[in-house]
């Protein structure tokens, strides 16, 4: 019996995300990571994991912001 070739894994495309921290924030991040024996990259990915893993296809209605979000006075005007 001939052996089957295993399927090649799909190459993952990465995108850079750049944001700025103040010197104090960077020092705080480094100190926290050193204390927890982790890297800043892992800490940030874990912190925002909920948002970057669950909404790749669509965003649930509860997280969408409507154009007219403050609707306190709309109900009073209709009466």
PDB file of N, CA and C in Angstrom:
ATOM      1  N   UNK A   1       0.825  -1.186   0.000  1.00  0.00           N
ATOM      2  CA  UNK A   1       0.000   0.000   0.000  1.00  0.00           C
ATOM      3  C   UNK A   1       0.871   1.252   0.000  1.00  0.00           C
ATOM      4  N   UNK A   2       0.633   2.139  -0.938  1.00  0.00           N
ATOM      5  CA  UNK A   2       1.422   3.368  -0.963  1.00  0.00           C
ATOM      6  C   UNK A   2       0.970   4.328   0.147  1.00  0.00           C
ATOM      7  N   UNK A   3       1.928   5.043   0.690  1.00  0.00           N
ATOM      8  CA  UNK A   3       1.601   6.029   1.726  1.00  0.00           C
ATOM      9  C   UNK A   3       1.039   7.289   1.083  1.00  0.00           C
ATOM     10  N   UNK A   4       0.099   7.884   1.772  1.00  0.00           N
ATOM     11  CA  UNK A   4      -0.480   9.141   1.288  1.00  0.00           C
ATOM     12  C   UNK A   4       0.382  10.315   1.732  1.00  0.00           C
ATOM     13  N   UNK A   5       0.434  11.303   0.864  1.00  0.00           N
ATOM     14  CA  UNK A   5       1.140  12.525   1.238  1.00  0.00           C
ATOM     15  C   UNK A   5       0.222  13.345   2.145  1.00  0.00           C
ATOM     16  N   UNK A   6       0.797  13.908   3.170  1.00  0.00           N
ATOM     17  CA  UNK A   6      -0.016  14.753   4.042  1.00  0.00           C
ATOM     18  C   UNK A   6      -0.242  16.101   3.356  1.00  0.00           C
ATOM     19  N   UNK A   7      -1.390  16.691   3.657  1.00  0.00           N
ATOM     20  CA  UNK A   7      -1.729  17.985   3.074  1.00  0.00           C
ATOM     21  C   UNK A   7      -0.818  19.067   3.628  1.00  0.00           C
ATOM     22  N   UNK A   8      -0.407  19.981   2.769  1.00  0.00           N
ATOM     23  CA  UNK A   8       0.385  21.112   3.245  1.00  0.00           C
ATOM     24  C   UNK A   8      -0.533  22.080   3.980  1.00  0.00           C
ATOM     25  N   UNK A   9      -0.009  22.631   5.064  1.00  0.00           N
ATOM     26  CA  UNK A   9      -0.783  23.597   5.829  1.00  0.00           C
ATOM     27  C   UNK A   9      -0.842  24.927   5.086  1.00  0.00           C
ATOM     28  N   UNK A  10      -1.962  25.600   5.218  1.00  0.00           N
ATOM     29  CA  UNK A  10      -2.118  26.899   4.586  1.00  0.00           C
ATOM     30  C   UNK A  10      -1.221  27.916   5.287  1.00  0.00           C
ATOM     31  N   UNK A  11      -0.483  28.679   4.518  1.00  0.00           N
ATOM     32  CA  UNK A  11       0.435  29.667   5.066  1.00  0.00           C
ATOM     33  C   UNK A  11      -0.368  30.784   5.739  1.00  0.00           C
ATOM     34  N   UNK A  12       0.023  31.137   6.935  1.00  0.00           N
ATOM     35  CA  UNK A  12      -0.663  32.184   7.692  1.00  0.00           C
ATOM     36  C   UNK A  12      -0.088  33.536   7.297  1.00  0.00           C
ATOM     37  N   UNK A  13      -0.965  34.469   6.973  1.00  0.00           N
ATOM     38  CA  UNK A  13      -0.536  35.821   6.629  1.00  0.00           C
ATOM     39  C   UNK A  13      -0.609  36.681   7.885  1.00  0.00           C
ATOM     40  N   UNK A  14       0.444  37.396   8.161  1.00  0.00           N
ATOM     41  CA  UNK A  14       0.489  38.265   9.322  1.00  0.00           C
ATOM     42  C   UNK A  14       0.424  39.720   8.883  1.00  0.00           C
ATOM     43  N   UNK A  15      -0.155  40.551   9.709  1.00  0.00           N
ATOM     44  CA  UNK A  15      -0.239  41.984   9.458  1.00  0.00           C
ATOM     45  C   UNK A  15       0.328  42.717  10.663  1.00  0.00           C
ATOM     46  N   UNK A  16       1.056  43.791  10.412  1.00  0.00           N
ATOM     47  CA  UNK A  16       1.620  44.590  11.496  1.00  0.00           C
ATOM     48  C   UNK A  16       0.584  45.556  12.031  1.00  0.00           C
ATOM     49  N   UNK A  17       0.607  45.726  13.340  1.00  0.00           N
ATOM     50  CA  UNK A  17      -0.219  46.720  14.013  1.00  0.00           C
ATOM     51  C   UNK A  17       0.735  47.569  14.834  1.00  0.00           C
ATOM     52  N   UNK A  18       0.694  48.861  14.626  1.00  0.00           N
ATOM     53  CA  UNK A  18       1.633  49.755  15.297  1.00  0.00           C
ATOM     54  C   UNK A  18       0.852  50.742  16.169  1.00  0.00           C
ATOM     55  N   UNK A  19       1.293  50.883  17.417  1.00  0.00           N
ATOM     56  CA  UNK A  19       0.726  51.899  18.293  1.00  0.00           C
ATOM     57  C   UNK A  19       1.832  52.422  19.190  1.00  0.00           C
ATOM     58  N   UNK A  20       1.620  53.594  19.726  1.00  0.00           N
ATOM     59  CA  UNK A  20       2.657  54.244  20.516  1.00  0.00           C
ATOM     60  C   UNK A  20       2.313  54.180  22.002  1.00  0.00           C
ATOM     61  N   UNK A  21       3.363  54.042  22.813  1.00  0.00           N
ATOM     62  CA  UNK A  21       3.253  54.098  24.265  1.00  0.00           C
ATOM     63  C   UNK A  21       4.186  55.177  24.775  1.00  0.00           C
ATOM     64  N   UNK A  22       3.802  55.797  25.884  1.00  0.00           N
ATOM     65  CA  UNK A  22       4.716  56.755  26.495  1.00  0.00           C
ATOM     66  C   UNK A  22       5.856  55.977  27.144  1.00  0.00           C
ATOM     67  N   UNK A  23       6.903  56.677  27.508  1.00  0.00           N
ATOM     68  CA  UNK A  23       8.057  56.025  28.134  1.00  0.00           C
ATOM     69  C   UNK A  23       7.644  55.345  29.434  1.00  0.00           C
ATOM     70  N   UNK A  24       6.778  55.992  30.194  1.00  0.00           N
ATOM     71  CA  UNK A  24       6.308  55.424  31.463  1.00  0.00           C
ATOM     72  C   UNK A  24       5.479  54.157  31.217  1.00  0.00           C
ATOM     73  N   UNK A  25       4.623  54.188  30.205  1.00  0.00           N
ATOM     74  CA  UNK A  25       3.811  53.021  29.873  1.00  0.00           C
ATOM     75  C   UNK A  25       4.684  51.857  29.412  1.00  0.00           C
ATOM     76  N   UNK A  26       5.704  52.135  28.610  1.00  0.00           N
ATOM     77  CA  UNK A  26       6.617  51.097  28.121  1.00  0.00           C
ATOM     78  C   UNK A  26       7.382  50.458  29.274  1.00  0.00           C
ATOM     79  N   UNK A  27       7.865  51.297  30.204  1.00  0.00           N
ATOM     80  CA  UNK A  27       8.595  50.782  31.364  1.00  0.00           C
ATOM     81  C   UNK A  27       7.680  49.922  32.223  1.00  0.00           C
ATOM     82  N   UNK A  28       6.451  50.361  32.388  1.00  0.00           N
ATOM     83  CA  UNK A  28       5.466  49.605  33.162  1.00  0.00           C
ATOM     84  C   UNK A  28       5.166  48.258  32.502  1.00  0.00           C
ATOM     85  N   UNK A  29       5.018  48.273  31.197  1.00  0.00           N
ATOM     86  CA  UNK A  29       4.771  47.039  30.441  1.00  0.00           C
ATOM     87  C   UNK A  29       5.953  46.076  30.579  1.00  0.00           C
ATOM     88  N   UNK A  30       7.161  46.591  30.445  1.00  0.00           N
ATOM     89  CA  UNK A  30       8.360  45.753  30.576  1.00  0.00           C
ATOM     90  C   UNK A  30       8.478  45.157  31.976  1.00  0.00           C
ATOM     91  N   UNK A  31       8.211  45.979  33.009  1.00  0.00           N
ATOM     92  CA  UNK A  31       8.290  45.491  34.384  1.00  0.00           C
ATOM     93  C   UNK A  31       7.245  44.415  34.649  1.00  0.00           C
ATOM     94  N   UNK A  32       6.038  44.617  34.163  1.00  0.00           N
ATOM     95  CA  UNK A  32       4.969  43.634  34.348  1.00  0.00           C
ATOM     96  C   UNK A  32       5.337  42.314  33.665  1.00  0.00           C
ATOM     97  N   UNK A  33       5.852  42.407  32.452  1.00  0.00           N
ATOM     98  CA  UNK A  33       6.226  41.206  31.698  1.00  0.00           C
ATOM     99  C   UNK A  33       7.384  40.460  32.368  1.00  0.00           C
ATOM    100  N   UNK A  34       8.337  41.198  32.901  1.00  0.00           N
ATOM    101  CA  UNK A  34       9.458  40.561  33.590  1.00  0.00           C
ATOM    102  C   UNK A  34       8.979  39.835  34.836  1.00  0.00           C
ATOM    103  N   UNK A  35       8.053  40.456  35.561  1.00  0.00           N
ATOM    104  CA  UNK A  35       7.519  39.837  36.779  1.00  0.00           C
ATOM    105  C   UNK A  35       6.718  38.577  36.461  1.00  0.00           C
ATOM    106  N   UNK A  36       6.015  38.564  35.349  1.00  0.00           N
ATOM    107  CA  UNK A  36       5.172  37.424  34.964  1.00  0.00           C
ATOM    108  C   UNK A  36       5.891  36.433  34.046  1.00  0.00           C
ATOM    109  N   UNK A  37       7.165  36.732  33.734  1.00  0.00           N
ATOM    110  CA  UNK A  37       7.985  35.887  32.841  1.00  0.00           C
ATOM    111  C   UNK A  37       7.295  35.630  31.498  1.00  0.00           C
ATOM    112  N   UNK A  38       6.872  36.709  30.871  1.00  0.00           N
ATOM    113  CA  UNK A  38       6.254  36.636  29.543  1.00  0.00           C
ATOM    114  C   UNK A  38       6.818  37.757  28.685  1.00  0.00           C
ATOM    115  N   UNK A  39       6.406  37.813  27.439  1.00  0.00           N
ATOM    116  CA  UNK A  39       6.867  38.879  26.551  1.00  0.00           C
ATOM    117  C   UNK A  39       5.741  39.888  26.350  1.00  0.00           C
ATOM    118  N   UNK A  40       6.084  41.130  26.011  1.00  0.00           N
ATOM    119  CA  UNK A  40       5.037  42.124  25.754  1.00  0.00           C
ATOM    120  C   UNK A  40       4.074  41.689  24.643  1.00  0.00           C
ATOM    121  N   UNK A  41       4.622  41.058  23.600  1.00  0.00           N
ATOM    122  CA  UNK A  41       3.792  40.620  22.484  1.00  0.00           C
ATOM    123  C   UNK A  41       2.743  39.589  22.945  1.00  0.00           C
ATOM    124  N   UNK A  42       3.181  38.606  23.723  1.00  0.00           N
ATOM    125  CA  UNK A  42       2.256  37.586  24.231  1.00  0.00           C
ATOM    126  C   UNK A  42       1.213  38.192  25.153  1.00  0.00           C
ATOM    127  N   UNK A  43       1.644  39.125  26.003  1.00  0.00           N
ATOM    128  CA  UNK A  43       0.716  39.777  26.930  1.00  0.00           C
ATOM    129  C   UNK A  43      -0.367  40.554  26.180  1.00  0.00           C
ATOM    130  N   UNK A  44       0.040  41.315  25.181  1.00  0.00           N
ATOM    131  CA  UNK A  44      -0.913  42.121  24.408  1.00  0.00           C
ATOM    132  C   UNK A  44      -1.867  41.212  23.634  1.00  0.00           C
ATOM    133  N   UNK A  45      -1.344  40.165  22.983  1.00  0.00           N
ATOM    134  CA  UNK A  45      -2.202  39.244  22.234  1.00  0.00           C
ATOM    135  C   UNK A  45      -3.204  38.547  23.140  1.00  0.00           C
ATOM    136  N   UNK A  46      -2.753  38.156  24.335  1.00  0.00           N
ATOM    137  CA  UNK A  46      -3.663  37.492  25.270  1.00  0.00           C
ATOM    138  C   UNK A  46      -4.738  38.464  25.753  1.00  0.00           C
ATOM    139  N   UNK A  47      -4.345  39.712  25.986  1.00  0.00           N
ATOM    140  CA  UNK A  47      -5.280  40.720  26.479  1.00  0.00           C
ATOM    141  C   UNK A  47      -6.377  41.050  25.469  1.00  0.00           C
ATOM    142  N   UNK A  48      -6.022  41.094  24.184  1.00  0.00           N
ATOM    143  CA  UNK A  48      -7.014  41.443  23.169  1.00  0.00           C
ATOM    144  C   UNK A  48      -7.536  40.213  22.433  1.00  0.00           C
ATOM    145  N   UNK A  49      -7.181  39.038  22.920  1.00  0.00           N
ATOM    146  CA  UNK A  49      -7.568  37.784  22.268  1.00  0.00           C
ATOM    147  C   UNK A  49      -9.062  37.638  22.037  1.00  0.00           C
ATOM    148  N   UNK A  50      -9.858  38.072  22.996  1.00  0.00           N
ATOM    149  CA  UNK A  50     -11.317  37.971  22.873  1.00  0.00           C
ATOM    150  C   UNK A  50     -11.831  38.714  21.637  1.00  0.00           C
ATOM    151  N   UNK A  51     -11.207  39.824  21.346  1.00  0.00           N
ATOM    152  CA  UNK A  51     -11.662  40.656  20.238  1.00  0.00           C
ATOM    153  C   UNK A  51     -11.071  40.224  18.894  1.00  0.00           C
ATOM    154  N   UNK A  52      -9.874  39.673  18.889  1.00  0.00           N
ATOM    155  CA  UNK A  52      -9.244  39.330  17.621  1.00  0.00           C
ATOM    156  C   UNK A  52      -9.538  37.914  17.163  1.00  0.00           C
ATOM    157  N   UNK A  53     -10.127  37.079  18.020  1.00  0.00           N
ATOM    158  CA  UNK A  53     -10.398  35.699  17.633  1.00  0.00           C
ATOM    159  C   UNK A  53     -11.865  35.415  17.314  1.00  0.00           C
ATOM    160  N   UNK A  54     -12.782  36.190  17.859  1.00  0.00           N
ATOM    161  CA  UNK A  54     -14.195  35.845  17.745  1.00  0.00           C
ATOM    162  C   UNK A  54     -14.968  36.575  16.657  1.00  0.00           C
ATOM    163  N   UNK A  55     -14.435  37.644  16.121  1.00  0.00           N
ATOM    164  CA  UNK A  55     -15.216  38.464  15.202  1.00  0.00           C
ATOM    165  C   UNK A  55     -14.658  38.483  13.794  1.00  0.00           C
ATOM    166  N   UNK A  56     -14.002  37.427  13.355  1.00  0.00           N
ATOM    167  CA  UNK A  56     -13.380  37.443  12.036  1.00  0.00           C
ATOM    168  C   UNK A  56     -14.407  37.439  10.905  1.00  0.00           C
ATOM    169  N   UNK A  57     -15.541  36.792  11.093  1.00  0.00           N
ATOM    170  CA  UNK A  57     -16.543  36.714  10.029  1.00  0.00           C
ATOM    171  C   UNK A  57     -17.590  37.820  10.130  1.00  0.00           C
ATOM    172  N   UNK A  58     -18.184  37.992  11.304  1.00  0.00           N
ATOM    173  CA  UNK A  58     -19.169  39.057  11.489  1.00  0.00           C
ATOM    174  C   UNK A  58     -19.212  39.467  12.960  1.00  0.00           C
ATOM    175  N   UNK A  59     -19.744  40.650  13.209  1.00  0.00           N
ATOM    176  CA  UNK A  59     -19.833  41.186  14.556  1.00  0.00           C
ATOM    177  C   UNK A  59     -21.281  41.096  15.016  1.00  0.00           C
ATOM    178  N   UNK A  60     -21.540  40.541  16.210  1.00  0.00           N
ATOM    179  CA  UNK A  60     -22.914  40.462  16.707  1.00  0.00           C
ATOM    180  C   UNK A  60     -23.529  41.851  16.863  1.00  0.00           C
ATOM    181  N   UNK A  61     -24.846  41.904  16.758  1.00  0.00           N
ATOM    182  CA  UNK A  61     -25.566  43.192  16.821  1.00  0.00           C
ATOM    183  C   UNK A  61     -25.281  43.946  18.114  1.00  0.00           C
ATOM    184  N   UNK A  62     -25.110  43.228  19.222  1.00  0.00           N
ATOM    185  CA  UNK A  62     -24.919  43.884  20.518  1.00  0.00           C
ATOM    186  C   UNK A  62     -23.633  44.715  20.571  1.00  0.00           C
ATOM    187  N   UNK A  63     -22.663  44.411  19.711  1.00  0.00           N
ATOM    188  CA  UNK A  63     -21.413  45.166  19.683  1.00  0.00           C
ATOM    189  C   UNK A  63     -21.403  46.262  18.629  1.00  0.00           C
ATOM    190  N   UNK A  64     -22.402  46.306  17.792  1.00  0.00           N
ATOM    191  CA  UNK A  64     -22.469  47.335  16.753  1.00  0.00           C
ATOM    192  C   UNK A  64     -22.997  48.640  17.338  1.00  0.00           C
ATOM    193  N   UNK A  65     -22.442  49.734  16.865  1.00  0.00           N
ATOM    194  CA  UNK A  65     -22.875  51.055  17.312  1.00  0.00           C
ATOM    195  C   UNK A  65     -23.791  51.633  16.243  1.00  0.00           C
ATOM    196  N   UNK A  66     -24.955  52.042  16.667  1.00  0.00           N
ATOM    197  CA  UNK A  66     -25.891  52.632  15.715  1.00  0.00           C
ATOM    198  C   UNK A  66     -25.548  54.105  15.519  1.00  0.00           C
ATOM    199  N   UNK A  67     -26.068  54.665  14.457  1.00  0.00           N
ATOM    200  CA  UNK A  67     -25.781  56.056  14.136  1.00  0.00           C
ATOM    201  C   UNK A  67     -26.321  56.984  15.220  1.00  0.00           C
ATOM    202  N   UNK A  68     -27.507  56.682  15.726  1.00  0.00           N
ATOM    203  CA  UNK A  68     -28.156  57.505  16.741  1.00  0.00           C
ATOM    204  C   UNK A  68     -28.176  56.716  18.044  1.00  0.00           C
ATOM    205  N   UNK A  69     -27.048  56.680  18.731  1.00  0.00           N
ATOM    206  CA  UNK A  69     -26.945  55.817  19.897  1.00  0.00           C
ATOM    207  C   UNK A  69     -27.692  56.369  21.110  1.00  0.00           C
ATOM    208  N   UNK A  70     -27.757  57.662  21.266  1.00  0.00           N
ATOM    209  CA  UNK A  70     -28.438  58.255  22.405  1.00  0.00           C
ATOM    210  C   UNK A  70     -29.905  58.433  22.039  1.00  0.00           C
ATOM    211  N   UNK A  71     -30.738  57.488  22.422  1.00  0.00           N
ATOM    212  CA  UNK A  71     -32.150  57.539  22.036  1.00  0.00           C
ATOM    213  C   UNK A  71     -33.053  57.745  23.234  1.00  0.00           C
ATOM    214  N   UNK A  72     -32.615  58.479  24.251  1.00  0.00           N
ATOM    215  CA  UNK A  72     -33.430  58.726  25.433  1.00  0.00           C
ATOM    216  C   UNK A  72     -34.660  59.573  25.106  1.00  0.00           C
ATOM    217  N   UNK A  73     -34.488  60.528  24.213  1.00  0.00           N
ATOM    218  CA  UNK A  73     -35.553  61.483  23.953  1.00  0.00           C
ATOM    219  C   UNK A  73     -36.478  61.052  22.826  1.00  0.00           C
ATOM    220  N   UNK A  74     -36.128  60.031  22.084  1.00  0.00           N
ATOM    221  CA  UNK A  74     -36.950  59.587  20.962  1.00  0.00           C
ATOM    222  C   UNK A  74     -38.305  59.054  21.418  1.00  0.00           C
ATOM    223  N   UNK A  75     -38.339  58.318  22.518  1.00  0.00           N
ATOM    224  CA  UNK A  75     -39.578  57.728  23.019  1.00  0.00           C
ATOM    225  C   UNK A  75     -40.529  58.791  23.541  1.00  0.00           C
ATOM    226  N   UNK A  76     -39.982  59.839  24.165  1.00  0.00           N
ATOM    227  CA  UNK A  76     -40.810  60.916  24.693  1.00  0.00           C
ATOM    228  C   UNK A  76     -41.463  61.718  23.566  1.00  0.00           C
ATOM    229  N   UNK A  77     -40.757  61.913  22.477  1.00  0.00           N
ATOM    230  CA  UNK A  77     -41.299  62.694  21.357  1.00  0.00           C
ATOM    231  C   UNK A  77     -42.381  61.947  20.615  1.00  0.00           C
ATOM    232  N   UNK A  78     -42.322  60.610  20.604  1.00  0.00           N
ATOM    233  CA  UNK A  78     -43.320  59.828  19.897  1.00  0.00           C
ATOM    234  C   UNK A  78     -44.675  59.862  20.597  1.00  0.00           C
ATOM    235  N   UNK A  79     -44.699  60.030  21.925  1.00  0.00           N
ATOM    236  CA  UNK A  79     -45.952  60.007  22.697  1.00  0.00           C
ATOM    237  C   UNK A  79     -46.840  61.187  22.428  1.00  0.00           C
TER     238      UNK A  79
END
